Amino acid sequence: MFEIGGTELLLVAIVALLVIGPKELPNALRTLGRYTGKARAMTRHLRSGFDEMMRQAELEEMEKQWAEHNRKIMAETPVMPDHSPASDGDPAPGAPIADAAEPDPRPLP
């Protein structure tokens, strides 16, 4: 970002000492530090808001893609008829089957 070398920093410090004075320099640096902290906090808040908006936009885009994909799958898949036990006369789940293909392996008494 800013490339300040050692000589430039020394020059700024000497000018600040001459212009502001040795008594007011700590207060000036403290004030500068406060404003720098506020600027960083505002930048961090702005960036987090921007990142949240980007996440929301990506989520909406993914939901649109999912809905389109789901619609495509539903259009390609044939609808199966309802096979509820009460509707077609099938026995209840777990009930024995009357005409089994294999005989019962237990011996008769």
C-alpha atoms as a PDB file:
ATOM      1  CA  MET A   1       0.000   0.000   0.000  1.00  0.00           C
ATOM      2  CA  PHE A   2       2.153   2.872   1.261  1.00  0.00           C
ATOM      3  CA  GLU A   3       5.842   2.293   1.047  1.00  0.00           C
ATOM      4  CA  ILE A   4       7.487   4.506   3.639  1.00  0.00           C
ATOM      5  CA  GLY A   5      11.146   3.866   4.201  1.00  0.00           C
ATOM      6  CA  GLY A   6      13.197   4.693   7.259  1.00  0.00           C
ATOM      7  CA  THR A   7      14.437   8.020   5.929  1.00  0.00           C
ATOM      8  CA  GLU A   8      10.944   9.248   5.046  1.00  0.00           C
ATOM      9  CA  LEU A   9       9.645   8.272   8.483  1.00  0.00           C
ATOM     10  CA  LEU A  10      12.551  10.071  10.176  1.00  0.00           C
ATOM     11  CA  LEU A  11      11.904  13.195   8.096  1.00  0.00           C
ATOM     12  CA  VAL A  12       8.179  13.191   9.020  1.00  0.00           C
ATOM     13  CA  ALA A  13       9.058  12.735  12.717  1.00  0.00           C
ATOM     14  CA  ILE A  14      11.501  15.682  12.666  1.00  0.00           C
ATOM     15  CA  VAL A  15       8.997  17.955  10.874  1.00  0.00           C
ATOM     16  CA  ALA A  16       6.229  16.939  13.318  1.00  0.00           C
ATOM     17  CA  LEU A  17       8.537  17.648  16.289  1.00  0.00           C
ATOM     18  CA  LEU A  18       9.424  21.086  14.923  1.00  0.00           C
ATOM     19  CA  VAL A  19       5.868  22.052  13.917  1.00  0.00           C
ATOM     20  CA  ILE A  20       3.878  20.600  16.829  1.00  0.00           C
ATOM     21  CA  GLY A  21       6.490  20.826  19.557  1.00  0.00           C
ATOM     22  CA  PRO A  22       7.735  18.301  22.087  1.00  0.00           C
ATOM     23  CA  LYS A  23       4.931  18.962  24.625  1.00  0.00           C
ATOM     24  CA  GLU A  24       1.997  18.445  22.242  1.00  0.00           C
ATOM     25  CA  LEU A  25       3.520  15.627  20.166  1.00  0.00           C
ATOM     26  CA  PRO A  26       2.247  12.756  22.427  1.00  0.00           C
ATOM     27  CA  ASN A  27      -1.304  14.171  22.322  1.00  0.00           C
ATOM     28  CA  ALA A  28      -1.125  14.566  18.558  1.00  0.00           C
ATOM     29  CA  LEU A  29       0.106  10.983  18.126  1.00  0.00           C
ATOM     30  CA  ARG A  30      -2.655   9.724  20.460  1.00  0.00           C
ATOM     31  CA  THR A  31      -5.278  11.601  18.432  1.00  0.00           C
ATOM     32  CA  LEU A  32      -3.805  10.274  15.205  1.00  0.00           C
ATOM     33  CA  GLY A  33      -3.941   6.739  16.648  1.00  0.00           C
ATOM     34  CA  ARG A  34      -7.628   7.162  17.603  1.00  0.00           C
ATOM     35  CA  TYR A  35      -8.557   8.360  14.127  1.00  0.00           C
ATOM     36  CA  THR A  36      -6.569   5.536  12.546  1.00  0.00           C
ATOM     37  CA  GLY A  37      -8.378   2.997  14.761  1.00  0.00           C
ATOM     38  CA  LYS A  38     -11.779   4.479  13.858  1.00  0.00           C
ATOM     39  CA  ALA A  39     -10.906   4.391  10.166  1.00  0.00           C
ATOM     40  CA  ARG A  40      -9.847   0.737  10.435  1.00  0.00           C
ATOM     41  CA  ALA A  41     -13.038  -0.158  12.315  1.00  0.00           C
ATOM     42  CA  MET A  42     -15.177   1.547   9.668  1.00  0.00           C
ATOM     43  CA  THR A  43     -13.277  -0.228   6.909  1.00  0.00           C
ATOM     44  CA  ARG A  44     -13.668  -3.576   8.678  1.00  0.00           C
ATOM     45  CA  HIS A  45     -17.411  -2.957   9.131  1.00  0.00           C
ATOM     46  CA  LEU A  46     -17.813  -1.972   5.467  1.00  0.00           C
ATOM     47  CA  ARG A  47     -15.890  -5.047   4.320  1.00  0.00           C
ATOM     48  CA  SER A  48     -17.897  -7.423   6.512  1.00  0.00           C
ATOM     49  CA  GLY A  49     -21.140  -5.923   5.149  1.00  0.00           C
ATOM     50  CA  PHE A  50     -19.890  -6.331   1.595  1.00  0.00           C
ATOM     51  CA  ASP A  51     -18.819  -9.930   2.277  1.00  0.00           C
ATOM     52  CA  GLU A  52     -22.247 -10.704   3.758  1.00  0.00           C
ATOM     53  CA  MET A  53     -23.966  -9.276   0.669  1.00  0.00           C
ATOM     54  CA  MET A  54     -21.747 -11.426  -1.545  1.00  0.00           C
ATOM     55  CA  ARG A  55     -22.574 -14.551   0.504  1.00  0.00           C
ATOM     56  CA  GLN A  56     -26.296 -13.797   0.236  1.00  0.00           C
ATOM     57  CA  ALA A  57     -26.037 -13.290  -3.531  1.00  0.00           C
ATOM     58  CA  GLU A  58     -24.118 -16.558  -3.931  1.00  0.00           C
ATOM     59  CA  LEU A  59     -26.672 -18.371  -1.784  1.00  0.00           C
ATOM     60  CA  GLU A  60     -29.553 -17.026  -3.879  1.00  0.00           C
ATOM     61  CA  GLU A  61     -27.746 -18.084  -7.060  1.00  0.00           C
ATOM     62  CA  MET A  62     -27.160 -21.588  -5.669  1.00  0.00           C
ATOM     63  CA  GLU A  63     -30.841 -21.833  -4.667  1.00  0.00           C
ATOM     64  CA  LYS A  64     -31.872 -20.849  -8.211  1.00  0.00           C
ATOM     65  CA  GLN A  65     -29.545 -23.469  -9.684  1.00  0.00           C
ATOM     66  CA  TRP A  66     -30.852 -26.100  -7.259  1.00  0.00           C
ATOM     67  CA  ALA A  67     -34.474 -25.261  -8.090  1.00  0.00           C
ATOM     68  CA  GLU A  68     -33.744 -25.457 -11.832  1.00  0.00           C
ATOM     69  CA  HIS A  69     -31.919 -28.770 -11.392  1.00  0.00           C
ATOM     70  CA  ASN A  70     -34.746 -30.115  -9.236  1.00  0.00           C
ATOM     71  CA  ARG A  71     -37.340 -28.995 -11.802  1.00  0.00           C
ATOM     72  CA  LYS A  72     -35.372 -30.722 -14.554  1.00  0.00           C
ATOM     73  CA  ILE A  73     -35.170 -33.968 -12.578  1.00  0.00           C
ATOM     74  CA  MET A  74     -38.877 -33.853 -11.749  1.00  0.00           C
ATOM     75  CA  ALA A  75     -39.713 -33.312 -15.430  1.00  0.00           C
ATOM     76  CA  GLU A  76     -37.568 -36.285 -16.517  1.00  0.00           C
ATOM     77  CA  THR A  77     -38.819 -38.692 -13.829  1.00  0.00           C
ATOM     78  CA  PRO A  78     -42.174 -40.377 -14.509  1.00  0.00           C
ATOM     79  CA  VAL A  79     -44.787 -40.105 -11.804  1.00  0.00           C
ATOM     80  CA  MET A  80     -45.338 -43.441 -10.036  1.00  0.00           C
ATOM     81  CA  PRO A  81     -48.919 -44.395  -9.081  1.00  0.00           C
ATOM     82  CA  ASP A  82     -49.816 -44.494  -5.414  1.00  0.00           C
ATOM     83  CA  HIS A  83     -49.485 -48.039  -4.013  1.00  0.00           C
ATOM     84  CA  SER A  84     -51.176 -47.717  -0.658  1.00  0.00           C
ATOM     85  CA  PRO A  85     -52.299 -51.052   0.890  1.00  0.00           C
ATOM     86  CA  ALA A  86     -55.932 -49.974   1.246  1.00  0.00           C
ATOM     87  CA  SER A  87     -56.316 -48.922  -2.395  1.00  0.00           C
ATOM     88  CA  ASP A  88     -55.349 -52.067  -4.352  1.00  0.00           C
ATOM     89  CA  GLY A  89     -56.212 -54.923  -1.991  1.00  0.00           C
ATOM     90  CA  ASP A  90     -52.606 -55.832  -1.113  1.00  0.00           C
ATOM     91  CA  PRO A  91     -52.079 -57.290   2.343  1.00  0.00           C
ATOM     92  CA  ALA A  92     -50.776 -55.047   5.065  1.00  0.00           C
ATOM     93  CA  PRO A  93     -46.999 -54.738   5.370  1.00  0.00           C
ATOM     94  CA  GLY A  94     -45.586 -57.681   7.294  1.00  0.00           C
ATOM     95  CA  ALA A  95     -48.575 -59.946   6.623  1.00  0.00           C
ATOM     96  CA  PRO A  96     -47.760 -63.477   5.372  1.00  0.00           C
ATOM     97  CA  ILE A  97     -48.023 -64.101   1.649  1.00  0.00           C
ATOM     98  CA  ALA A  98     -50.552 -66.805   0.772  1.00  0.00           C
ATOM     99  CA  ASP A  99     -48.937 -68.223  -2.363  1.00  0.00           C
ATOM    100  CA  ALA A 100     -45.229 -68.384  -1.454  1.00  0.00           C
ATOM    101  CA  ALA A 101     -42.840 -69.552  -4.156  1.00  0.00           C
ATOM    102  CA  GLU A 102     -40.835 -71.798  -1.824  1.00  0.00           C
ATOM    103  CA  PRO A 103     -42.297 -74.360   0.572  1.00  0.00           C
ATOM    104  CA  ASP A 104     -41.928 -73.949   4.301  1.00  0.00           C
ATOM    105  CA  PRO A 105     -38.631 -75.654   5.361  1.00  0.00           C
ATOM    106  CA  ARG A 106     -40.048 -76.673   8.780  1.00  0.00           C
ATOM    107  CA  PRO A 107     -41.103 -80.323   9.090  1.00  0.00           C
ATOM    108  CA  LEU A 108     -44.780 -81.055   9.624  1.00  0.00           C
ATOM    109  CA  PRO A 109     -45.752 -82.475  13.069  1.00  0.00           C
END
